[in-house]
Amino acid sequence: MTRHVVTAKVCIMCGEEKPRAAFYTYPYTTNQGKRSVRLESRCIPCSRSRRKDDYARHGEARRATARRYKDANREAVAAQVREYRTANIDLLRRQRVVSEQKRRAGARISSAESRALIERVLEEARFGDRYLDAYTGELIDKPEIDHIVPLKAGGEHVYENLCVTSGKVNRSKHARPLLLWMASR
């Protein structure tokens, strides 16, 4: 059976045909109970502009509603937050680690393009709330971005030269070329 793979899609707002990577994706479960992924109808720039417009139109009213609910139900809201945090402590730790990774990577690299590149590499290596280590093949909790060919050795900060690995592996590789590092292991 041949599988049809969509490589491009037309945005319903701007009408332009764009590659799959230009659309947000979201997971869903098929009627057969299998997990799958769908593409958003609008491209990323159109989705962002739509959200910004929606926020500008309804933002204050939504904030006021949330504020009224929170004021009226302070105890219940605090209890829900405590319950969620205790039930999801591992997930929250991992989210904090991911946030720290993104923040640190963003602090070192000022351009938005580079930050988007790092986010793309992290997202593609993500399996649930863990990451696939490119060098060991293991799932890891605390990802780090590594340059396969080190910047010191003339490597570039481009998608093809970036991968996700653990801190321990990244520090053991240091600024050595990949083949020399693998031979020394």
C-alpha atoms as a PDB file:
ATOM      1  CA  MET A   1       0.000   0.000   0.000  1.00  0.00           C
ATOM      2  CA  THR A   2       1.417   3.378  -1.000  1.00  0.00           C
ATOM      3  CA  ARG A   3       1.249   6.167   1.532  1.00  0.00           C
ATOM      4  CA  HIS A   4       0.410   9.671   0.296  1.00  0.00           C
ATOM      5  CA  VAL A   5       2.587  12.312   1.950  1.00  0.00           C
ATOM      6  CA  VAL A   6       1.576  15.966   1.680  1.00  0.00           C
ATOM      7  CA  THR A   7       4.651  18.101   0.994  1.00  0.00           C
ATOM      8  CA  ALA A   8       2.878  21.441   0.471  1.00  0.00           C
ATOM      9  CA  LYS A   9      -0.398  23.044   1.498  1.00  0.00           C
ATOM     10  CA  VAL A  10      -2.400  26.169   0.621  1.00  0.00           C
ATOM     11  CA  CYS A  11      -3.075  28.636   3.447  1.00  0.00           C
ATOM     12  CA  ILE A  12      -6.789  29.517   3.733  1.00  0.00           C
ATOM     13  CA  MET A  13      -5.997  33.145   4.655  1.00  0.00           C
ATOM     14  CA  CYS A  14      -3.267  34.282   2.263  1.00  0.00           C
ATOM     15  CA  GLY A  15      -3.959  31.662  -0.436  1.00  0.00           C
ATOM     16  CA  GLU A  16      -0.263  30.891  -0.924  1.00  0.00           C
ATOM     17  CA  GLU A  17       1.038  27.348  -1.344  1.00  0.00           C
ATOM     18  CA  LYS A  18       3.709  26.708   1.276  1.00  0.00           C
ATOM     19  CA  PRO A  19       5.762  23.708   2.501  1.00  0.00           C
ATOM     20  CA  ARG A  20       4.540  21.645   5.487  1.00  0.00           C
ATOM     21  CA  ALA A  21       7.090  23.313   7.753  1.00  0.00           C
ATOM     22  CA  ALA A  22       5.275  26.643   7.275  1.00  0.00           C
ATOM     23  CA  PHE A  23       2.194  25.329   9.151  1.00  0.00           C
ATOM     24  CA  TYR A  24       1.643  24.570  12.827  1.00  0.00           C
ATOM     25  CA  THR A  25       0.886  20.918  13.591  1.00  0.00           C
ATOM     26  CA  TYR A  26      -1.264  19.415  16.305  1.00  0.00           C
ATOM     27  CA  PRO A  27      -1.737  15.813  17.453  1.00  0.00           C
ATOM     28  CA  TYR A  28      -5.047  13.962  17.308  1.00  0.00           C
ATOM     29  CA  THR A  29      -6.371  10.413  17.581  1.00  0.00           C
ATOM     30  CA  THR A  30      -7.882   8.748  14.502  1.00  0.00           C
ATOM     31  CA  ASN A  31     -11.154   6.808  14.550  1.00  0.00           C
ATOM     32  CA  GLN A  32      -9.043   3.638  14.773  1.00  0.00           C
ATOM     33  CA  GLY A  33      -7.452   4.920  17.974  1.00  0.00           C
ATOM     34  CA  LYS A  34      -4.069   5.655  16.393  1.00  0.00           C
ATOM     35  CA  ARG A  35      -2.107   8.824  17.171  1.00  0.00           C
ATOM     36  CA  SER A  36      -1.519  11.119  14.217  1.00  0.00           C
ATOM     37  CA  VAL A  37      -0.698  14.723  13.352  1.00  0.00           C
ATOM     38  CA  ARG A  38      -2.695  17.337  11.426  1.00  0.00           C
ATOM     39  CA  LEU A  39      -1.577  20.587   9.848  1.00  0.00           C
ATOM     40  CA  GLU A  40      -3.249  23.866  10.790  1.00  0.00           C
ATOM     41  CA  SER A  41      -5.356  25.480   8.005  1.00  0.00           C
ATOM     42  CA  ARG A  42      -3.460  28.762   8.202  1.00  0.00           C
ATOM     43  CA  CYS A  43       0.286  29.226   7.701  1.00  0.00           C
ATOM     44  CA  ILE A  44       2.342  30.325  10.715  1.00  0.00           C
ATOM     45  CA  PRO A  45       2.470  34.056   9.821  1.00  0.00           C
ATOM     46  CA  CYS A  46      -1.301  34.144   9.167  1.00  0.00           C
ATOM     47  CA  SER A  47      -2.007  32.219  12.405  1.00  0.00           C
ATOM     48  CA  ARG A  48       0.100  34.692  14.357  1.00  0.00           C
ATOM     49  CA  SER A  49      -1.587  37.732  12.828  1.00  0.00           C
ATOM     50  CA  ARG A  50      -5.018  36.183  13.499  1.00  0.00           C
ATOM     51  CA  ARG A  51      -4.114  35.558  17.158  1.00  0.00           C
ATOM     52  CA  LYS A  52      -2.766  39.106  17.518  1.00  0.00           C
ATOM     53  CA  ASP A  53      -5.973  40.559  16.057  1.00  0.00           C
ATOM     54  CA  ASP A  54      -8.095  38.345  18.318  1.00  0.00           C
ATOM     55  CA  TYR A  55      -6.069  39.387  21.362  1.00  0.00           C
ATOM     56  CA  ALA A  56      -6.400  43.065  20.446  1.00  0.00           C
ATOM     57  CA  ARG A  57     -10.185  42.710  20.048  1.00  0.00           C
ATOM     58  CA  HIS A  58     -11.005  40.498  23.045  1.00  0.00           C
ATOM     59  CA  GLY A  59      -7.945  40.571  25.305  1.00  0.00           C
ATOM     60  CA  GLU A  60      -9.201  42.988  27.948  1.00  0.00           C
ATOM     61  CA  ALA A  61     -12.594  41.256  28.259  1.00  0.00           C
ATOM     62  CA  ARG A  62     -10.941  37.830  28.663  1.00  0.00           C
ATOM     63  CA  ARG A  63      -8.506  39.145  31.277  1.00  0.00           C
ATOM     64  CA  ALA A  64     -11.387  40.734  33.200  1.00  0.00           C
ATOM     65  CA  THR A  65     -13.375  37.472  33.151  1.00  0.00           C
ATOM     66  CA  ALA A  66     -10.356  35.483  34.359  1.00  0.00           C
ATOM     67  CA  ARG A  67      -9.666  38.064  37.084  1.00  0.00           C
ATOM     68  CA  ARG A  68     -13.294  37.924  38.324  1.00  0.00           C
ATOM     69  CA  TYR A  69     -13.231  34.111  38.442  1.00  0.00           C
ATOM     70  CA  LYS A  70      -9.890  34.045  40.256  1.00  0.00           C
ATOM     71  CA  ASP A  71     -11.058  36.629  42.810  1.00  0.00           C
ATOM     72  CA  ALA A  72     -14.294  34.720  43.447  1.00  0.00           C
ATOM     73  CA  ASN A  73     -12.577  31.311  43.721  1.00  0.00           C
ATOM     74  CA  ARG A  74      -9.140  32.018  45.239  1.00  0.00           C
ATOM     75  CA  GLU A  75      -9.076  28.941  47.486  1.00  0.00           C
ATOM     76  CA  ALA A  76     -10.243  26.542  44.766  1.00  0.00           C
ATOM     77  CA  VAL A  77      -7.783  27.934  42.200  1.00  0.00           C
ATOM     78  CA  ALA A  78      -4.874  27.655  44.660  1.00  0.00           C
ATOM     79  CA  ALA A  79      -5.888  24.061  45.490  1.00  0.00           C
ATOM     80  CA  GLN A  80      -6.071  23.157  41.783  1.00  0.00           C
ATOM     81  CA  VAL A  81      -2.617  24.636  41.159  1.00  0.00           C
ATOM     82  CA  ARG A  82      -1.112  22.737  44.117  1.00  0.00           C
ATOM     83  CA  GLU A  83      -2.772  19.489  43.006  1.00  0.00           C
ATOM     84  CA  TYR A  84      -1.550  19.888  39.414  1.00  0.00           C
ATOM     85  CA  ARG A  85       2.008  20.662  40.526  1.00  0.00           C
ATOM     86  CA  THR A  86       2.222  17.605  42.788  1.00  0.00           C
ATOM     87  CA  ALA A  87       0.668  15.329  40.147  1.00  0.00           C
ATOM     88  CA  ASN A  88       2.948  16.587  37.355  1.00  0.00           C
ATOM     89  CA  ILE A  89       6.218  17.318  39.134  1.00  0.00           C
ATOM     90  CA  ASP A  90       8.369  15.452  36.569  1.00  0.00           C
ATOM     91  CA  LEU A  91       6.689  17.129  33.603  1.00  0.00           C
ATOM     92  CA  LEU A  92       7.103  20.574  35.171  1.00  0.00           C
ATOM     93  CA  ARG A  93      10.789  19.873  35.844  1.00  0.00           C
ATOM     94  CA  ARG A  94      11.319  18.860  32.232  1.00  0.00           C
ATOM     95  CA  GLN A  95       9.471  21.946  31.003  1.00  0.00           C
ATOM     96  CA  ARG A  96      11.682  24.104  33.195  1.00  0.00           C
ATOM     97  CA  VAL A  97      14.783  22.407  31.756  1.00  0.00           C
ATOM     98  CA  VAL A  98      13.551  23.013  28.198  1.00  0.00           C
ATOM     99  CA  SER A  99      12.847  26.659  29.040  1.00  0.00           C
ATOM    100  CA  GLU A 100      16.302  27.069  30.524  1.00  0.00           C
ATOM    101  CA  GLN A 101      17.879  25.467  27.454  1.00  0.00           C
ATOM    102  CA  LYS A 102      15.998  27.801  25.124  1.00  0.00           C
ATOM    103  CA  ARG A 103      16.794  30.835  27.281  1.00  0.00           C
ATOM    104  CA  ARG A 104      20.511  29.993  27.467  1.00  0.00           C
ATOM    105  CA  ALA A 105      20.694  29.270  23.753  1.00  0.00           C
ATOM    106  CA  GLY A 106      18.830  32.507  23.002  1.00  0.00           C
ATOM    107  CA  ALA A 107      21.101  34.544  25.249  1.00  0.00           C
ATOM    108  CA  ARG A 108      24.181  33.361  23.380  1.00  0.00           C
ATOM    109  CA  ILE A 109      22.670  33.940  19.978  1.00  0.00           C
ATOM    110  CA  SER A 110      20.976  37.237  19.373  1.00  0.00           C
ATOM    111  CA  SER A 111      19.302  36.720  16.017  1.00  0.00           C
ATOM    112  CA  ALA A 112      15.737  35.459  15.819  1.00  0.00           C
ATOM    113  CA  GLU A 113      16.727  33.198  12.927  1.00  0.00           C
ATOM    114  CA  SER A 114      19.262  31.346  15.081  1.00  0.00           C
ATOM    115  CA  ARG A 115      16.755  30.948  17.926  1.00  0.00           C
ATOM    116  CA  ALA A 116      14.218  29.514  15.466  1.00  0.00           C
ATOM    117  CA  LEU A 117      16.895  27.130  14.205  1.00  0.00           C
ATOM    118  CA  ILE A 118      17.598  25.832  17.726  1.00  0.00           C
ATOM    119  CA  GLU A 119      13.868  25.490  18.447  1.00  0.00           C
ATOM    120  CA  ARG A 120      13.469  23.495  15.212  1.00  0.00           C
ATOM    121  CA  VAL A 121      16.313  21.123  16.146  1.00  0.00           C
ATOM    122  CA  LEU A 122      14.879  20.617  19.658  1.00  0.00           C
ATOM    123  CA  GLU A 123      11.344  20.076  18.329  1.00  0.00           C
ATOM    124  CA  GLU A 124      12.436  17.495  15.747  1.00  0.00           C
ATOM    125  CA  ALA A 125      14.332  15.476  18.371  1.00  0.00           C
ATOM    126  CA  ARG A 126      11.383  15.546  20.783  1.00  0.00           C
ATOM    127  CA  PHE A 127       9.485  12.354  21.656  1.00  0.00           C
ATOM    128  CA  GLY A 128       6.711  13.250  24.081  1.00  0.00           C
ATOM    129  CA  ASP A 129       8.459  15.142  26.850  1.00  0.00           C
ATOM    130  CA  ARG A 130      11.905  13.614  26.214  1.00  0.00           C
ATOM    131  CA  TYR A 131      14.511  13.996  23.469  1.00  0.00           C
ATOM    132  CA  LEU A 132      16.419  11.531  21.270  1.00  0.00           C
ATOM    133  CA  ASP A 133      20.191  11.823  21.728  1.00  0.00           C
ATOM    134  CA  ALA A 134      21.714  11.900  18.229  1.00  0.00           C
ATOM    135  CA  TYR A 135      24.965  10.260  19.336  1.00  0.00           C
ATOM    136  CA  THR A 136      23.784   7.519  21.718  1.00  0.00           C
ATOM    137  CA  GLY A 137      20.221   6.900  20.496  1.00  0.00           C
ATOM    138  CA  GLU A 138      18.903   7.140  24.072  1.00  0.00           C
ATOM    139  CA  LEU A 139      15.976   9.248  25.268  1.00  0.00           C
ATOM    140  CA  ILE A 140      17.189  12.094  27.490  1.00  0.00           C
ATOM    141  CA  ASP A 141      15.505  14.629  29.768  1.00  0.00           C
ATOM    142  CA  LYS A 142      17.969  17.517  29.570  1.00  0.00           C
ATOM    143  CA  PRO A 143      18.888  18.220  25.947  1.00  0.00           C
ATOM    144  CA  GLU A 144      21.796  20.316  24.757  1.00  0.00           C
ATOM    145  CA  ILE A 145      22.490  21.515  21.243  1.00  0.00           C
ATOM    146  CA  ASP A 146      25.827  20.383  19.798  1.00  0.00           C
ATOM    147  CA  HIS A 147      27.644  21.447  16.645  1.00  0.00           C
ATOM    148  CA  ILE A 148      28.618  18.221  14.852  1.00  0.00           C
ATOM    149  CA  VAL A 149      31.574  20.011  13.257  1.00  0.00           C
ATOM    150  CA  PRO A 150      32.658  22.412  16.028  1.00  0.00           C
ATOM    151  CA  LEU A 151      32.564  26.148  15.333  1.00  0.00           C
ATOM    152  CA  LYS A 152      36.230  26.217  16.394  1.00  0.00           C
ATOM    153  CA  ALA A 153      37.045  23.774  13.598  1.00  0.00           C
ATOM    154  CA  GLY A 154      35.243  25.817  10.943  1.00  0.00           C
ATOM    155  CA  GLY A 155      31.751  24.359  11.349  1.00  0.00           C
ATOM    156  CA  GLU A 156      28.788  26.618  10.693  1.00  0.00           C
ATOM    157  CA  HIS A 157      25.754  27.385  12.823  1.00  0.00           C
ATOM    158  CA  VAL A 158      23.314  25.807  10.342  1.00  0.00           C
ATOM    159  CA  TYR A 159      20.579  23.173  10.702  1.00  0.00           C
ATOM    160  CA  GLU A 160      22.658  20.399   9.106  1.00  0.00           C
ATOM    161  CA  ASN A 161      25.456  20.941  11.641  1.00  0.00           C
ATOM    162  CA  LEU A 162      23.269  20.894  14.785  1.00  0.00           C
ATOM    163  CA  CYS A 163      22.035  17.956  16.819  1.00  0.00           C
ATOM    164  CA  VAL A 164      20.564  17.204  20.242  1.00  0.00           C
ATOM    165  CA  THR A 165      22.649  15.364  22.820  1.00  0.00           C
ATOM    166  CA  SER A 166      23.010  15.083  26.584  1.00  0.00           C
ATOM    167  CA  GLY A 167      25.245  17.416  28.560  1.00  0.00           C
ATOM    168  CA  LYS A 168      27.572  14.569  29.529  1.00  0.00           C
ATOM    169  CA  VAL A 169      28.106  13.501  25.911  1.00  0.00           C
ATOM    170  CA  ASN A 170      28.419  17.111  24.737  1.00  0.00           C
ATOM    171  CA  ARG A 171      31.129  17.844  27.306  1.00  0.00           C
ATOM    172  CA  SER A 172      33.016  14.643  26.475  1.00  0.00           C
ATOM    173  CA  LYS A 173      33.018  15.547  22.761  1.00  0.00           C
ATOM    174  CA  HIS A 174      34.037  19.152  23.509  1.00  0.00           C
ATOM    175  CA  ALA A 175      35.411  20.793  20.335  1.00  0.00           C
ATOM    176  CA  ARG A 176      36.684  17.607  18.688  1.00  0.00           C
ATOM    177  CA  PRO A 177      35.538  16.525  15.237  1.00  0.00           C
ATOM    178  CA  LEU A 178      32.874  13.807  15.380  1.00  0.00           C
ATOM    179  CA  LEU A 179      34.969  10.956  13.940  1.00  0.00           C
ATOM    180  CA  LEU A 180      37.919  11.601  16.284  1.00  0.00           C
ATOM    181  CA  TRP A 181      35.590  11.734  19.268  1.00  0.00           C
ATOM    182  CA  MET A 182      33.808   8.501  18.239  1.00  0.00           C
ATOM    183  CA  ALA A 183      37.147   6.725  17.749  1.00  0.00           C
ATOM    184  CA  SER A 184      38.251   7.719  21.257  1.00  0.00           C
ATOM    185  CA  ARG A 185      35.129   6.309  22.940  1.00  0.00           C
END
